[in-house]
PDB file of all heavy atoms in Angstrom:
ATOM      1  N   THR A   1     -47.235  25.285 -40.766  1.00  0.00           N
ATOM      2  CA  THR A   1     -47.834  26.385 -41.531  1.00  0.00           C
ATOM      3  C   THR A   1     -49.354  26.292 -41.475  1.00  0.00           C
ATOM      4  O   THR A   1     -50.030  27.287 -41.252  1.00  0.00           O
ATOM      5  CB  THR A   1     -47.346  26.343 -42.989  1.00  0.00           C
ATOM      6  OG1 THR A   1     -45.926  26.487 -43.002  1.00  0.00           O
ATOM      7  CG2 THR A   1     -47.962  27.446 -43.824  1.00  0.00           C
ATOM      8  N   HIS A   2     -49.868  25.094 -41.654  1.00  0.00           N
ATOM      9  CA  HIS A   2     -51.320  24.903 -41.605  1.00  0.00           C
ATOM     10  C   HIS A   2     -51.860  25.233 -40.210  1.00  0.00           C
ATOM     11  O   HIS A   2     -52.873  25.932 -40.075  1.00  0.00           O
ATOM     12  CB  HIS A   2     -51.669  23.467 -41.995  1.00  0.00           C
ATOM     13  CG  HIS A   2     -53.135  23.212 -41.997  1.00  0.00           C
ATOM     14  ND1 HIS A   2     -53.777  22.586 -40.963  1.00  0.00           N
ATOM     15  CD2 HIS A   2     -54.092  23.539 -42.896  1.00  0.00           C
ATOM     16  CE1 HIS A   2     -55.060  22.518 -41.229  1.00  0.00           C
ATOM     17  NE2 HIS A   2     -55.282  23.084 -42.395  1.00  0.00           N
ATOM     18  N   ALA A   3     -51.181  24.769 -39.182  1.00  0.00           N
ATOM     19  CA  ALA A   3     -51.636  25.023 -37.804  1.00  0.00           C
ATOM     20  C   ALA A   3     -51.626  26.508 -37.472  1.00  0.00           C
ATOM     21  O   ALA A   3     -52.478  26.989 -36.720  1.00  0.00           O
ATOM     22  CB  ALA A   3     -50.767  24.251 -36.814  1.00  0.00           C
ATOM     23  N   ASN A   4     -50.686  27.260 -38.038  1.00  0.00           N
ATOM     24  CA  ASN A   4     -50.612  28.702 -37.778  1.00  0.00           C
ATOM     25  C   ASN A   4     -51.637  29.493 -38.584  1.00  0.00           C
ATOM     26  O   ASN A   4     -52.165  30.496 -38.099  1.00  0.00           O
ATOM     27  CB  ASN A   4     -49.213  29.231 -38.093  1.00  0.00           C
ATOM     28  CG  ASN A   4     -48.190  28.832 -37.069  1.00  0.00           C
ATOM     29  OD1 ASN A   4     -48.504  28.690 -35.887  1.00  0.00           O
ATOM     30  ND2 ASN A   4     -46.964  28.634 -37.501  1.00  0.00           N
ATOM     31  N   ASN A   5     -51.908  29.081 -39.810  1.00  0.00           N
ATOM     32  CA  ASN A   5     -52.723  29.900 -40.700  1.00  0.00           C
ATOM     33  C   ASN A   5     -54.170  29.467 -40.832  1.00  0.00           C
ATOM     34  O   ASN A   5     -55.046  30.313 -41.040  1.00  0.00           O
ATOM     35  CB  ASN A   5     -52.070  29.950 -42.085  1.00  0.00           C
ATOM     36  CG  ASN A   5     -50.780  30.716 -42.047  1.00  0.00           C
ATOM     37  OD1 ASN A   5     -50.672  31.750 -41.395  1.00  0.00           O
ATOM     38  ND2 ASN A   5     -49.768  30.211 -42.729  1.00  0.00           N
ATOM     39  N   ALA A   6     -54.475  28.193 -40.744  1.00  0.00           N
ATOM     40  CA  ALA A   6     -55.856  27.730 -40.908  1.00  0.00           C
ATOM     41  C   ALA A   6     -56.804  28.385 -39.900  1.00  0.00           C
ATOM     42  O   ALA A   6     -57.906  28.806 -40.278  1.00  0.00           O
ATOM     43  CB  ALA A   6     -55.922  26.209 -40.836  1.00  0.00           C
ATOM     44  N   PRO A   7     -56.423  28.525 -38.623  1.00  0.00           N
ATOM     45  CA  PRO A   7     -57.332  29.204 -37.684  1.00  0.00           C
ATOM     46  C   PRO A   7     -57.570  30.673 -38.044  1.00  0.00           C
ATOM     47  O   PRO A   7     -58.653  31.205 -37.802  1.00  0.00           O
ATOM     48  CB  PRO A   7     -56.616  29.083 -36.335  1.00  0.00           C
ATOM     49  CG  PRO A   7     -55.712  27.906 -36.487  1.00  0.00           C
ATOM     50  CD  PRO A   7     -55.280  27.926 -37.925  1.00  0.00           C
ATOM     51  N   ARG A   8     -56.587  31.315 -38.638  1.00  0.00           N
ATOM     52  CA  ARG A   8     -56.756  32.719 -39.061  1.00  0.00           C
ATOM     53  C   ARG A   8     -57.775  32.818 -40.181  1.00  0.00           C
ATOM     54  O   ARG A   8     -58.614  33.721 -40.209  1.00  0.00           O
ATOM     55  CB  ARG A   8     -55.416  33.300 -39.499  1.00  0.00           C
ATOM     56  CG  ARG A   8     -54.428  33.430 -38.374  1.00  0.00           C
ATOM     57  CD  ARG A   8     -53.116  33.994 -38.884  1.00  0.00           C
ATOM     58  NE  ARG A   8     -52.170  34.078 -37.797  1.00  0.00           N
ATOM     59  CZ  ARG A   8     -50.913  33.721 -37.887  1.00  0.00           C
ATOM     60  NH1 ARG A   8     -50.424  33.269 -39.026  1.00  0.00           N
ATOM     61  NH2 ARG A   8     -50.108  33.832 -36.855  1.00  0.00           N
ATOM     62  N   LEU A   9     -57.688  31.895 -41.130  1.00  0.00           N
ATOM     63  CA  LEU A   9     -58.659  31.881 -42.225  1.00  0.00           C
ATOM     64  C   LEU A   9     -60.057  31.597 -41.689  1.00  0.00           C
ATOM     65  O   LEU A   9     -61.019  32.279 -42.050  1.00  0.00           O
ATOM     66  CB  LEU A   9     -58.267  30.838 -43.268  1.00  0.00           C
ATOM     67  CG  LEU A   9     -59.238  30.658 -44.433  1.00  0.00           C
ATOM     68  CD1 LEU A   9     -59.411  31.960 -45.214  1.00  0.00           C
ATOM     69  CD2 LEU A   9     -58.769  29.525 -45.338  1.00  0.00           C
ATOM     70  N   ALA A  10     -60.184  30.615 -40.808  1.00  0.00           N
ATOM     71  CA  ALA A  10     -61.496  30.272 -40.233  1.00  0.00           C
ATOM     72  C   ALA A  10     -62.094  31.466 -39.495  1.00  0.00           C
ATOM     73  O   ALA A  10     -63.280  31.777 -39.663  1.00  0.00           O
ATOM     74  CB  ALA A  10     -61.363  29.073 -39.294  1.00  0.00           C
ATOM     75  N   ALA A  11     -61.299  32.147 -38.702  1.00  0.00           N
ATOM     76  CA  ALA A  11     -61.792  33.310 -37.956  1.00  0.00           C
ATOM     77  C   ALA A  11     -62.234  34.425 -38.909  1.00  0.00           C
ATOM     78  O   ALA A  11     -63.269  35.060 -38.690  1.00  0.00           O
ATOM     79  CB  ALA A  11     -60.724  33.819 -36.992  1.00  0.00           C
ATOM     80  N   ALA A  12     -61.472  34.660 -39.964  1.00  0.00           N
ATOM     81  CA  ALA A  12     -61.823  35.706 -40.928  1.00  0.00           C
ATOM     82  C   ALA A  12     -63.130  35.370 -41.644  1.00  0.00           C
ATOM     83  O   ALA A  12     -63.985  36.238 -41.837  1.00  0.00           O
ATOM     84  CB  ALA A  12     -60.698  35.887 -41.937  1.00  0.00           C
ATOM     85  N   LEU A  13     -63.312  34.104 -42.013  1.00  0.00           N
ATOM     86  CA  LEU A  13     -64.548  33.700 -42.690  1.00  0.00           C
ATOM     87  C   LEU A  13     -65.757  33.811 -41.767  1.00  0.00           C
ATOM     88  O   LEU A  13     -66.824  34.272 -42.181  1.00  0.00           O
ATOM     89  CB  LEU A  13     -64.413  32.276 -43.223  1.00  0.00           C
ATOM     90  CG  LEU A  13     -63.408  32.090 -44.359  1.00  0.00           C
ATOM     91  CD1 LEU A  13     -63.238  30.611 -44.678  1.00  0.00           C
ATOM     92  CD2 LEU A  13     -63.815  32.883 -45.586  1.00  0.00           C
ATOM     93  N   GLN A  14     -65.590  33.418 -40.523  1.00  0.00           N
ATOM     94  CA  GLN A  14     -66.687  33.531 -39.565  1.00  0.00           C
ATOM     95  C   GLN A  14     -67.043  34.992 -39.315  1.00  0.00           C
ATOM     96  O   GLN A  14     -68.227  35.348 -39.245  1.00  0.00           O
ATOM     97  CB  GLN A  14     -66.312  32.826 -38.261  1.00  0.00           C
ATOM     98  CG  GLN A  14     -66.264  31.322 -38.420  1.00  0.00           C
ATOM     99  CD  GLN A  14     -65.658  30.618 -37.228  1.00  0.00           C
ATOM    100  OE1 GLN A  14     -65.059  31.231 -36.353  1.00  0.00           O
ATOM    101  NE2 GLN A  14     -65.795  29.305 -37.189  1.00  0.00           N
ATOM    102  N   GLU A  15     -66.035  35.837 -39.215  1.00  0.00           N
ATOM    103  CA  GLU A  15     -66.300  37.268 -39.011  1.00  0.00           C
ATOM    104  C   GLU A  15     -66.999  37.867 -40.231  1.00  0.00           C
ATOM    105  O   GLU A  15     -67.913  38.679 -40.088  1.00  0.00           O
ATOM    106  CB  GLU A  15     -65.001  38.010 -38.717  1.00  0.00           C
ATOM    107  CG  GLU A  15     -65.227  39.467 -38.392  1.00  0.00           C
ATOM    108  CD  GLU A  15     -63.960  40.202 -37.987  1.00  0.00           C
ATOM    109  OE1 GLU A  15     -62.914  39.565 -37.801  1.00  0.00           O
ATOM    110  OE2 GLU A  15     -64.036  41.433 -37.850  1.00  0.00           O
ATOM    111  N   LEU A  16     -66.591  37.462 -41.406  1.00  0.00           N
ATOM    112  CA  LEU A  16     -67.230  37.958 -42.621  1.00  0.00           C
ATOM    113  C   LEU A  16     -68.704  37.554 -42.659  1.00  0.00           C
ATOM    114  O   LEU A  16     -69.572  38.359 -43.010  1.00  0.00           O
ATOM    115  CB  LEU A  16     -66.496  37.439 -43.857  1.00  0.00           C
ATOM    116  CG  LEU A  16     -66.944  37.985 -45.195  1.00  0.00           C
ATOM    117  CD1 LEU A  16     -66.821  39.508 -45.256  1.00  0.00           C
ATOM    118  CD2 LEU A  16     -66.145  37.349 -46.318  1.00  0.00           C
ATOM    119  N   GLU A  17     -68.999  36.329 -42.267  1.00  0.00           N
ATOM    120  CA  GLU A  17     -70.402  35.900 -42.198  1.00  0.00           C
ATOM    121  C   GLU A  17     -71.197  36.759 -41.214  1.00  0.00           C
ATOM    122  O   GLU A  17     -72.322  37.157 -41.507  1.00  0.00           O
ATOM    123  CB  GLU A  17     -70.493  34.439 -41.748  1.00  0.00           C
ATOM    124  CG  GLU A  17     -70.245  33.435 -42.833  1.00  0.00           C
ATOM    125  CD  GLU A  17     -70.514  32.014 -42.382  1.00  0.00           C
ATOM    126  OE1 GLU A  17     -70.579  31.745 -41.159  1.00  0.00           O
ATOM    127  OE2 GLU A  17     -70.668  31.166 -43.263  1.00  0.00           O
ATOM    128  N   GLN A  18     -70.597  37.064 -40.071  1.00  0.00           N
ATOM    129  CA  GLN A  18     -71.284  37.890 -39.075  1.00  0.00           C
ATOM    130  C   GLN A  18     -71.539  39.286 -39.603  1.00  0.00           C
ATOM    131  O   GLN A  18     -72.625  39.843 -39.439  1.00  0.00           O
ATOM    132  CB  GLN A  18     -70.471  37.947 -37.782  1.00  0.00           C
ATOM    133  CG  GLN A  18     -70.457  36.639 -37.026  1.00  0.00           C
ATOM    134  CD  GLN A  18     -69.527  36.678 -35.818  1.00  0.00           C
ATOM    135  OE1 GLN A  18     -68.710  37.582 -35.666  1.00  0.00           O
ATOM    136  NE2 GLN A  18     -69.652  35.679 -34.957  1.00  0.00           N
ATOM    137  N   VAL A  19     -70.545  39.877 -40.245  1.00  0.00           N
ATOM    138  CA  VAL A  19     -70.680  41.233 -40.777  1.00  0.00           C
ATOM    139  C   VAL A  19     -71.749  41.282 -41.865  1.00  0.00           C
ATOM    140  O   VAL A  19     -72.570  42.192 -41.907  1.00  0.00           O
ATOM    141  CB  VAL A  19     -69.319  41.745 -41.309  1.00  0.00           C
ATOM    142  CG1 VAL A  19     -69.489  43.007 -42.128  1.00  0.00           C
ATOM    143  CG2 VAL A  19     -68.348  41.974 -40.160  1.00  0.00           C
ATOM    144  N   LEU A  20     -71.744  40.279 -42.746  1.00  0.00           N
ATOM    145  CA  LEU A  20     -72.697  40.262 -43.858  1.00  0.00           C
ATOM    146  C   LEU A  20     -74.074  39.754 -43.440  1.00  0.00           C
ATOM    147  O   LEU A  20     -75.062  39.976 -44.140  1.00  0.00           O
ATOM    148  CB  LEU A  20     -72.150  39.409 -45.005  1.00  0.00           C
ATOM    149  CG  LEU A  20     -70.874  39.925 -45.655  1.00  0.00           C
ATOM    150  CD1 LEU A  20     -70.371  38.930 -46.684  1.00  0.00           C
ATOM    151  CD2 LEU A  20     -71.087  41.294 -46.277  1.00  0.00           C
ATOM    152  N   GLY A  21     -74.143  39.032 -42.320  1.00  0.00           N
ATOM    153  CA  GLY A  21     -75.422  38.529 -41.841  1.00  0.00           C
ATOM    154  C   GLY A  21     -75.979  37.374 -42.651  1.00  0.00           C
ATOM    155  O   GLY A  21     -77.189  37.149 -42.667  1.00  0.00           O
ATOM    156  N   VAL A  22     -75.107  36.640 -43.318  1.00  0.00           N
ATOM    157  CA  VAL A  22     -75.555  35.504 -44.126  1.00  0.00           C
ATOM    158  C   VAL A  22     -74.458  34.437 -44.118  1.00  0.00           C
ATOM    159  O   VAL A  22     -73.269  34.752 -44.082  1.00  0.00           O
ATOM    160  CB  VAL A  22     -75.886  35.942 -45.569  1.00  0.00           C
ATOM    161  CG1 VAL A  22     -74.666  36.467 -46.291  1.00  0.00           C
ATOM    162  CG2 VAL A  22     -76.547  34.844 -46.353  1.00  0.00           C
ATOM    163  N   ALA A  23     -74.893  33.185 -44.120  1.00  0.00           N
ATOM    164  CA  ALA A  23     -73.933  32.079 -44.136  1.00  0.00           C
ATOM    165  C   ALA A  23     -73.292  31.945 -45.511  1.00  0.00           C
ATOM    166  O   ALA A  23     -73.949  32.137 -46.538  1.00  0.00           O
ATOM    167  CB  ALA A  23     -74.630  30.771 -43.770  1.00  0.00           C
ATOM    168  N   ALA A  24     -72.029  31.623 -45.516  1.00  0.00           N
ATOM    169  CA  ALA A  24     -71.294  31.434 -46.767  1.00  0.00           C
ATOM    170  C   ALA A  24     -71.679  30.116 -47.425  1.00  0.00           C
ATOM    171  O   ALA A  24     -72.078  29.159 -46.758  1.00  0.00           O
ATOM    172  CB  ALA A  24     -69.795  31.452 -46.495  1.00  0.00           C
ATOM    173  N   GLU A  25     -71.586  30.088 -48.730  1.00  0.00           N
ATOM    174  CA  GLU A  25     -71.778  28.865 -49.498  1.00  0.00           C
ATOM    175  C   GLU A  25     -70.440  28.514 -50.133  1.00  0.00           C
ATOM    176  O   GLU A  25     -69.742  29.384 -50.637  1.00  0.00           O
ATOM    177  CB  GLU A  25     -72.809  29.073 -50.603  1.00  0.00           C
ATOM    178  CG  GLU A  25     -74.190  29.381 -50.091  1.00  0.00           C
ATOM    179  CD  GLU A  25     -75.173  29.621 -51.222  1.00  0.00           C
ATOM    180  OE1 GLU A  25     -74.887  29.218 -52.378  1.00  0.00           O
ATOM    181  OE2 GLU A  25     -76.221  30.217 -50.959  1.00  0.00           O
ATOM    182  N   HIS A  26     -70.090  27.241 -50.093  1.00  0.00           N
ATOM    183  CA  HIS A  26     -68.837  26.819 -50.700  1.00  0.00           C
ATOM    184  C   HIS A  26     -68.909  26.920 -52.214  1.00  0.00           C
ATOM    185  O   HIS A  26     -69.931  26.596 -52.812  1.00  0.00           O
ATOM    186  CB  HIS A  26     -68.506  25.378 -50.332  1.00  0.00           C
ATOM    187  CG  HIS A  26     -68.214  25.210 -48.881  1.00  0.00           C
ATOM    188  ND1 HIS A  26     -68.546  24.084 -48.191  1.00  0.00           N
ATOM    189  CD2 HIS A  26     -67.625  26.026 -47.975  1.00  0.00           C
ATOM    190  CE1 HIS A  26     -68.175  24.197 -46.930  1.00  0.00           C
ATOM    191  NE2 HIS A  26     -67.626  25.387 -46.779  1.00  0.00           N
ATOM    192  N   GLY A  27     -67.823  27.359 -52.795  1.00  0.00           N
ATOM    193  CA  GLY A  27     -67.728  27.375 -54.245  1.00  0.00           C
ATOM    194  C   GLY A  27     -67.360  25.994 -54.758  1.00  0.00           C
ATOM    195  O   GLY A  27     -67.211  25.035 -53.995  1.00  0.00           O
ATOM    196  N   GLU A  28     -67.211  25.897 -56.037  1.00  0.00           N
ATOM    197  CA  GLU A  28     -66.830  24.632 -56.665  1.00  0.00           C
ATOM    198  C   GLU A  28     -65.381  24.301 -56.327  1.00  0.00           C
ATOM    199  O   GLU A  28     -64.548  25.196 -56.213  1.00  0.00           O
ATOM    200  CB  GLU A  28     -66.978  24.744 -58.184  1.00  0.00           C
ATOM    201  CG  GLU A  28     -68.412  24.920 -58.649  1.00  0.00           C
ATOM    202  CD  GLU A  28     -69.273  23.702 -58.338  1.00  0.00           C
ATOM    203  OE1 GLU A  28     -68.790  22.562 -58.509  1.00  0.00           O
ATOM    204  OE2 GLU A  28     -70.423  23.890 -57.903  1.00  0.00           O
ATOM    205  N   PRO A  29     -65.070  23.018 -56.179  1.00  0.00           N
ATOM    206  CA  PRO A  29     -63.664  22.640 -55.974  1.00  0.00           C
ATOM    207  C   PRO A  29     -62.828  23.089 -57.179  1.00  0.00           C
ATOM    208  O   PRO A  29     -63.337  23.179 -58.299  1.00  0.00           O
ATOM    209  CB  PRO A  29     -63.706  21.113 -55.907  1.00  0.00           C
ATOM    210  CG  PRO A  29     -65.116  20.768 -55.592  1.00  0.00           C
ATOM    211  CD  PRO A  29     -65.960  21.873 -56.178  1.00  0.00           C
ATOM    212  N   THR A  30     -61.570  23.383 -56.928  1.00  0.00           N
ATOM    213  CA  THR A  30     -60.652  23.756 -57.998  1.00  0.00           C
ATOM    214  C   THR A  30     -59.537  22.725 -58.065  1.00  0.00           C
ATOM    215  O   THR A  30     -59.461  21.808 -57.244  1.00  0.00           O
ATOM    216  CB  THR A  30     -60.032  25.149 -57.759  1.00  0.00           C
ATOM    217  OG1 THR A  30     -59.110  25.059 -56.668  1.00  0.00           O
ATOM    218  CG2 THR A  30     -61.102  26.187 -57.485  1.00  0.00           C
ATOM    219  N   TYR A  31     -58.664  22.896 -59.000  1.00  0.00           N
ATOM    220  CA  TYR A  31     -57.497  22.034 -59.133  1.00  0.00           C
ATOM    221  C   TYR A  31     -56.647  22.077 -57.867  1.00  0.00           C
ATOM    222  O   TYR A  31     -55.991  21.105 -57.512  1.00  0.00           O
ATOM    223  CB  TYR A  31     -56.685  22.496 -60.350  1.00  0.00           C
ATOM    224  CG  TYR A  31     -55.505  21.625 -60.692  1.00  0.00           C
ATOM    225  CD1 TYR A  31     -55.703  20.322 -61.150  1.00  0.00           C
ATOM    226  CD2 TYR A  31     -54.216  22.103 -60.571  1.00  0.00           C
ATOM    227  CE1 TYR A  31     -54.623  19.519 -61.481  1.00  0.00           C
ATOM    228  CE2 TYR A  31     -53.129  21.302 -60.897  1.00  0.00           C
ATOM    229  CZ  TYR A  31     -53.338  20.014 -61.352  1.00  0.00           C
ATOM    230  OH  TYR A  31     -52.266  19.217 -61.674  1.00  0.00           O
ATOM    231  N   TYR A  32     -56.683  23.196 -57.176  1.00  0.00           N
ATOM    232  CA  TYR A  32     -55.835  23.408 -56.000  1.00  0.00           C
ATOM    233  C   TYR A  32     -56.451  22.900 -54.704  1.00  0.00           C
ATOM    234  O   TYR A  32     -55.751  22.693 -53.732  1.00  0.00           O
ATOM    235  CB  TYR A  32     -55.521  24.895 -55.842  1.00  0.00           C
ATOM    236  CG  TYR A  32     -54.793  25.453 -57.033  1.00  0.00           C
ATOM    237  CD1 TYR A  32     -55.469  26.152 -58.012  1.00  0.00           C
ATOM    238  CD2 TYR A  32     -53.429  25.267 -57.171  1.00  0.00           C
ATOM    239  CE1 TYR A  32     -54.804  26.657 -59.108  1.00  0.00           C
ATOM    240  CE2 TYR A  32     -52.754  25.759 -58.266  1.00  0.00           C
ATOM    241  CZ  TYR A  32     -53.449  26.451 -59.230  1.00  0.00           C
ATOM    242  OH  TYR A  32     -52.786  26.938 -60.312  1.00  0.00           O
ATOM    243  N   GLY A  33     -57.746  22.743 -54.654  1.00  0.00           N
ATOM    244  CA  GLY A  33     -58.370  22.281 -53.420  1.00  0.00           C
ATOM    245  C   GLY A  33     -59.855  22.567 -53.398  1.00  0.00           C
ATOM    246  O   GLY A  33     -60.439  23.024 -54.382  1.00  0.00           O
ATOM    247  N   ARG A  34     -60.447  22.288 -52.235  1.00  0.00           N
ATOM    248  CA  ARG A  34     -61.885  22.498 -52.075  1.00  0.00           C
ATOM    249  C   ARG A  34     -62.154  23.086 -50.697  1.00  0.00           C
ATOM    250  O   ARG A  34     -61.450  22.786 -49.732  1.00  0.00           O
ATOM    251  CB  ARG A  34     -62.639  21.196 -52.260  1.00  0.00           C
ATOM    252  CG  ARG A  34     -62.396  20.192 -51.162  1.00  0.00           C
ATOM    253  CD  ARG A  34     -63.033  18.839 -51.429  1.00  0.00           C
ATOM    254  NE  ARG A  34     -62.839  17.938 -50.312  1.00  0.00           N
ATOM    255  CZ  ARG A  34     -61.686  17.411 -49.934  1.00  0.00           C
ATOM    256  NH1 ARG A  34     -60.586  17.697 -50.592  1.00  0.00           N
ATOM    257  NH2 ARG A  34     -61.610  16.615 -48.892  1.00  0.00           N
TER     258      ARG A  34
END
C-alpha cells in the first residue's frame, strides 16, 4: 500500500509547490505521524 500510494502523494505535493510557486513547510507532527 505504501509503495503504491506514497509516490502519488509525493508527486501531488511537488506539483502543488510548482503551481503555487513556493516551497511547502512541514506542519507540526500529529498523533498519527509527521
